[in-house]
């Protein structure tokens, strides 16, 4: 979970320190399915999200589910479990 700058989380929209989330987890990049179906550019795509959202994604879904079915920002935003978690996170206070 590499940290980046402070900014707006692409999931909960809060303004705070962000981390880079690989849309296709790095653990999967060497697997045949992913090598065959995705370019290196696509495999390296990330979104900037807060630590709470990042932790939540990895608690809700394993790497394979994230890589195969939730591998775009739109797919994440449309998923009901992710939506529920993001709505909860958005109501949390940020440290000042």
N, C-alpha and C. Protein backbone atom coordinates (compact mmCIF):
# COMPACT_ATOMS: atom_id res chain seq x y z
N UNK A 1 0.84 -1.17 0.00
CA UNK A 1 0.00 0.00 0.00
C UNK A 1 0.89 1.24 0.00
N UNK A 2 1.32 1.68 -1.15
CA UNK A 2 2.19 2.84 -1.22
C UNK A 2 1.42 4.14 -1.03
N UNK A 3 1.95 5.01 -0.23
CA UNK A 3 1.30 6.30 0.02
C UNK A 3 1.65 7.30 -1.07
N UNK A 4 0.69 8.13 -1.38
CA UNK A 4 0.93 9.22 -2.33
C UNK A 4 0.65 10.52 -1.59
N UNK A 5 0.28 11.54 -2.30
CA UNK A 5 0.02 12.83 -1.68
C UNK A 5 -1.37 12.92 -1.09
N UNK A 6 -1.62 14.02 -0.41
CA UNK A 6 -2.95 14.32 0.08
C UNK A 6 -3.81 14.74 -1.10
N UNK A 7 -5.05 14.30 -1.11
CA UNK A 7 -5.97 14.65 -2.18
C UNK A 7 -7.33 14.07 -1.89
N UNK A 8 -8.17 14.01 -2.92
CA UNK A 8 -9.52 13.50 -2.76
C UNK A 8 -9.58 12.01 -3.11
N UNK A 9 -10.08 11.21 -2.20
CA UNK A 9 -10.23 9.78 -2.42
C UNK A 9 -11.21 9.57 -3.57
N UNK A 10 -10.84 8.70 -4.50
CA UNK A 10 -11.69 8.44 -5.66
C UNK A 10 -12.93 7.62 -5.32
N UNK A 11 -12.99 7.08 -4.11
CA UNK A 11 -14.18 6.33 -3.70
C UNK A 11 -15.06 7.15 -2.77
N UNK A 12 -14.55 7.55 -1.61
CA UNK A 12 -15.39 8.25 -0.62
C UNK A 12 -15.40 9.76 -0.78
N UNK A 13 -14.52 10.30 -1.59
CA UNK A 13 -14.42 11.73 -1.90
C UNK A 13 -13.90 12.58 -0.74
N UNK A 14 -13.42 11.95 0.35
CA UNK A 14 -12.84 12.74 1.44
C UNK A 14 -11.47 13.24 1.03
N UNK A 15 -11.06 14.33 1.62
CA UNK A 15 -9.78 14.95 1.34
C UNK A 15 -8.80 14.53 2.43
N UNK A 16 -7.81 13.68 2.09
CA UNK A 16 -6.82 13.23 3.06
C UNK A 16 -5.68 12.49 2.36
N UNK A 17 -4.78 11.88 3.14
CA UNK A 17 -3.65 11.15 2.59
C UNK A 17 -4.16 9.96 1.79
N UNK A 18 -3.62 9.77 0.60
CA UNK A 18 -4.10 8.71 -0.30
C UNK A 18 -3.07 7.61 -0.49
N UNK A 19 -3.56 6.44 -0.87
CA UNK A 19 -2.71 5.31 -1.22
C UNK A 19 -3.05 4.89 -2.65
N UNK A 20 -2.14 4.21 -3.30
CA UNK A 20 -2.38 3.73 -4.66
C UNK A 20 -2.94 2.32 -4.58
N UNK A 21 -4.10 2.11 -5.18
CA UNK A 21 -4.72 0.78 -5.24
C UNK A 21 -4.62 0.27 -6.67
N UNK A 22 -3.93 -0.85 -6.87
CA UNK A 22 -3.85 -1.47 -8.21
C UNK A 22 -5.20 -2.08 -8.53
N UNK A 23 -5.80 -1.69 -9.64
CA UNK A 23 -7.10 -2.23 -10.02
C UNK A 23 -7.03 -3.73 -10.27
N UNK A 24 -5.91 -4.18 -10.80
CA UNK A 24 -5.62 -5.61 -10.87
C UNK A 24 -4.43 -5.82 -9.93
N UNK A 25 -4.68 -6.49 -8.79
CA UNK A 25 -3.62 -6.64 -7.78
C UNK A 25 -2.31 -7.18 -8.37
N UNK A 26 -1.20 -6.60 -7.93
CA UNK A 26 0.12 -6.97 -8.45
C UNK A 26 0.40 -8.46 -8.31
N UNK A 27 -0.15 -9.07 -7.30
CA UNK A 27 0.03 -10.50 -7.06
C UNK A 27 -0.43 -11.33 -8.27
N UNK A 28 -1.34 -10.79 -9.06
CA UNK A 28 -1.92 -11.53 -10.19
C UNK A 28 -1.24 -11.27 -11.53
N UNK A 29 -0.36 -10.29 -11.60
CA UNK A 29 0.23 -9.87 -12.87
C UNK A 29 0.97 -10.97 -13.61
N UNK A 30 1.53 -11.93 -12.91
CA UNK A 30 2.31 -12.99 -13.56
C UNK A 30 1.47 -14.19 -13.98
N UNK A 31 0.22 -14.22 -13.57
CA UNK A 31 -0.65 -15.35 -13.93
C UNK A 31 -1.02 -15.30 -15.40
N UNK A 32 -1.11 -16.48 -16.02
CA UNK A 32 -1.38 -16.58 -17.46
C UNK A 32 -2.62 -15.82 -17.89
N UNK A 33 -3.71 -15.98 -17.17
CA UNK A 33 -4.97 -15.32 -17.53
C UNK A 33 -4.78 -13.81 -17.67
N UNK A 34 -4.11 -13.22 -16.72
CA UNK A 34 -3.95 -11.76 -16.71
C UNK A 34 -2.94 -11.31 -17.76
N UNK A 35 -1.87 -12.07 -17.95
CA UNK A 35 -0.89 -11.76 -18.99
C UNK A 35 -1.53 -11.80 -20.37
N UNK A 36 -2.41 -12.77 -20.57
CA UNK A 36 -3.05 -12.98 -21.86
C UNK A 36 -4.12 -11.93 -22.15
N UNK A 37 -4.88 -11.52 -21.15
CA UNK A 37 -6.03 -10.65 -21.36
C UNK A 37 -5.80 -9.16 -21.11
N UNK A 38 -4.67 -8.81 -20.50
CA UNK A 38 -4.44 -7.41 -20.17
C UNK A 38 -3.03 -6.97 -20.57
N UNK A 39 -2.93 -5.76 -21.09
CA UNK A 39 -1.61 -5.21 -21.43
C UNK A 39 -0.89 -4.80 -20.15
N UNK A 40 0.41 -4.58 -20.25
CA UNK A 40 1.18 -4.12 -19.08
C UNK A 40 0.65 -2.79 -18.57
N UNK A 41 0.22 -1.94 -19.47
CA UNK A 41 -0.33 -0.62 -19.08
C UNK A 41 -1.58 -0.80 -18.24
N UNK A 42 -2.46 -1.69 -18.67
CA UNK A 42 -3.69 -1.94 -17.91
C UNK A 42 -3.36 -2.57 -16.55
N UNK A 43 -2.43 -3.50 -16.54
CA UNK A 43 -2.04 -4.15 -15.28
C UNK A 43 -1.48 -3.16 -14.26
N UNK A 44 -0.89 -2.09 -14.74
CA UNK A 44 -0.26 -1.12 -13.84
C UNK A 44 -1.19 0.00 -13.41
N UNK A 45 -2.43 0.01 -13.88
CA UNK A 45 -3.35 1.09 -13.54
C UNK A 45 -3.71 1.08 -12.06
N UNK A 46 -3.70 2.27 -11.48
CA UNK A 46 -4.06 2.42 -10.07
C UNK A 46 -5.09 3.53 -9.92
N UNK A 47 -5.74 3.53 -8.76
CA UNK A 47 -6.58 4.65 -8.37
C UNK A 47 -6.06 5.14 -7.03
N UNK A 48 -6.30 6.40 -6.73
CA UNK A 48 -5.85 6.99 -5.47
C UNK A 48 -7.01 6.99 -4.49
N UNK A 49 -6.85 6.21 -3.44
CA UNK A 49 -7.91 6.09 -2.44
C UNK A 49 -7.33 6.21 -1.04
N UNK A 50 -8.20 6.54 -0.09
CA UNK A 50 -7.75 6.68 1.30
C UNK A 50 -7.49 5.30 1.91
N UNK A 51 -6.80 5.30 3.00
CA UNK A 51 -6.44 4.05 3.67
C UNK A 51 -7.69 3.27 4.10
N UNK A 52 -8.73 3.97 4.58
CA UNK A 52 -9.96 3.29 5.03
C UNK A 52 -10.64 2.56 3.87
N UNK A 53 -10.74 3.21 2.73
CA UNK A 53 -11.35 2.56 1.56
C UNK A 53 -10.49 1.41 1.07
N UNK A 54 -9.18 1.61 1.06
CA UNK A 54 -8.24 0.58 0.60
C UNK A 54 -8.36 -0.67 1.47
N UNK A 55 -8.32 -0.47 2.77
CA UNK A 55 -8.44 -1.59 3.70
C UNK A 55 -9.77 -2.31 3.49
N UNK A 56 -10.83 -1.52 3.32
CA UNK A 56 -12.16 -2.10 3.14
C UNK A 56 -12.26 -2.96 1.90
N UNK A 57 -11.68 -2.51 0.78
CA UNK A 57 -11.72 -3.31 -0.45
C UNK A 57 -11.08 -4.67 -0.24
N UNK A 58 -9.93 -4.67 0.43
CA UNK A 58 -9.20 -5.92 0.61
C UNK A 58 -9.82 -6.80 1.69
N UNK A 59 -10.65 -6.23 2.54
CA UNK A 59 -11.39 -7.05 3.51
C UNK A 59 -12.63 -7.66 2.86
N UNK A 60 -13.25 -6.91 1.96
CA UNK A 60 -14.47 -7.39 1.30
C UNK A 60 -14.19 -8.47 0.27
N UNK A 61 -13.09 -8.32 -0.47
CA UNK A 61 -12.82 -9.21 -1.60
C UNK A 61 -11.36 -9.67 -1.62
N UNK A 62 -11.15 -10.88 -2.10
CA UNK A 62 -9.77 -11.36 -2.25
C UNK A 62 -9.20 -10.82 -3.57
N UNK A 63 -7.91 -11.02 -3.76
CA UNK A 63 -7.23 -10.47 -4.94
C UNK A 63 -7.84 -10.95 -6.25
N UNK A 64 -8.21 -12.22 -6.32
CA UNK A 64 -8.76 -12.78 -7.56
C UNK A 64 -10.10 -12.10 -7.90
N UNK A 65 -10.95 -11.90 -6.91
CA UNK A 65 -12.23 -11.23 -7.16
C UNK A 65 -11.99 -9.80 -7.63
N UNK A 66 -11.06 -9.12 -6.97
CA UNK A 66 -10.76 -7.74 -7.37
C UNK A 66 -10.22 -7.71 -8.79
N UNK A 67 -9.30 -8.61 -9.11
CA UNK A 67 -8.66 -8.61 -10.43
C UNK A 67 -9.58 -9.02 -11.56
N UNK A 68 -10.48 -9.94 -11.31
CA UNK A 68 -11.35 -10.44 -12.38
C UNK A 68 -12.66 -9.68 -12.52
N UNK A 69 -13.26 -9.26 -11.41
CA UNK A 69 -14.60 -8.67 -11.52
C UNK A 69 -14.70 -7.21 -11.09
N UNK A 70 -13.74 -6.73 -10.33
CA UNK A 70 -13.81 -5.33 -9.85
C UNK A 70 -12.55 -4.58 -10.24
N UNK A 71 -12.20 -4.66 -11.53
CA UNK A 71 -10.92 -4.13 -12.00
C UNK A 71 -11.00 -2.77 -12.68
N UNK A 72 -12.09 -2.02 -12.43
CA UNK A 72 -12.17 -0.63 -12.89
C UNK A 72 -12.81 0.19 -11.78
N UNK A 73 -12.60 1.48 -11.82
CA UNK A 73 -13.22 2.36 -10.83
C UNK A 73 -14.74 2.28 -10.94
N UNK A 74 -15.28 2.25 -12.15
CA UNK A 74 -16.73 2.16 -12.33
C UNK A 74 -17.30 0.88 -11.71
N UNK A 75 -16.63 -0.23 -11.92
CA UNK A 75 -17.11 -1.50 -11.35
C UNK A 75 -17.08 -1.45 -9.83
N UNK A 76 -16.05 -0.86 -9.26
CA UNK A 76 -15.98 -0.72 -7.80
C UNK A 76 -17.12 0.15 -7.29
N UNK A 77 -17.36 1.28 -7.96
CA UNK A 77 -18.41 2.20 -7.52
C UNK A 77 -19.81 1.62 -7.67
N UNK A 78 -19.99 0.66 -8.56
CA UNK A 78 -21.31 0.05 -8.77
C UNK A 78 -21.56 -1.16 -7.87
N UNK A 79 -20.53 -1.72 -7.28
CA UNK A 79 -20.68 -2.89 -6.43
C UNK A 79 -21.39 -2.51 -5.13
N UNK A 80 -22.43 -3.26 -4.76
CA UNK A 80 -23.24 -2.94 -3.59
C UNK A 80 -22.46 -2.98 -2.28
N UNK A 81 -21.60 -3.98 -2.09
CA UNK A 81 -20.82 -4.06 -0.86
C UNK A 81 -19.82 -2.91 -0.77
N UNK A 82 -19.20 -2.58 -1.88
CA UNK A 82 -18.25 -1.46 -1.90
C UNK A 82 -19.01 -0.16 -1.63
N UNK A 83 -20.15 0.01 -2.26
CA UNK A 83 -20.97 1.23 -2.04
C UNK A 83 -21.29 1.40 -0.56
N UNK A 84 -21.74 0.32 0.06
CA UNK A 84 -22.10 0.37 1.48
C UNK A 84 -20.89 0.77 2.34
N UNK A 85 -19.74 0.17 2.05
CA UNK A 85 -18.53 0.50 2.81
C UNK A 85 -18.13 1.97 2.58
N UNK A 86 -18.15 2.39 1.33
CA UNK A 86 -17.75 3.77 0.98
C UNK A 86 -18.69 4.79 1.64
N UNK A 87 -19.98 4.49 1.67
CA UNK A 87 -20.93 5.39 2.33
C UNK A 87 -20.61 5.51 3.81
N UNK A 88 -20.24 4.39 4.45
CA UNK A 88 -19.87 4.42 5.85
C UNK A 88 -18.59 5.23 6.05
N UNK A 89 -17.59 4.97 5.21
CA UNK A 89 -16.31 5.69 5.32
C UNK A 89 -16.51 7.19 5.13
N UNK A 90 -17.36 7.57 4.19
CA UNK A 90 -17.59 8.99 3.89
C UNK A 90 -18.15 9.74 5.11
N UNK A 91 -18.82 9.05 6.00
CA UNK A 91 -19.39 9.69 7.19
C UNK A 91 -18.38 9.80 8.34
N UNK A 92 -17.22 9.17 8.19
CA UNK A 92 -16.21 9.19 9.25
C UNK A 92 -15.43 10.50 9.22
N UNK A 93 -15.02 10.90 10.37
CA UNK A 93 -14.20 12.12 10.47
C UNK A 93 -12.80 11.85 9.97
N UNK A 94 -12.20 12.88 9.43
CA UNK A 94 -10.80 12.77 9.03
C UNK A 94 -9.96 13.45 10.11
N UNK A 95 -8.78 12.93 10.33
CA UNK A 95 -7.88 13.55 11.32
C UNK A 95 -7.42 14.89 10.81
N UNK A 96 -7.46 15.89 11.65
CA UNK A 96 -7.05 17.23 11.21
C UNK A 96 -5.60 17.48 11.45
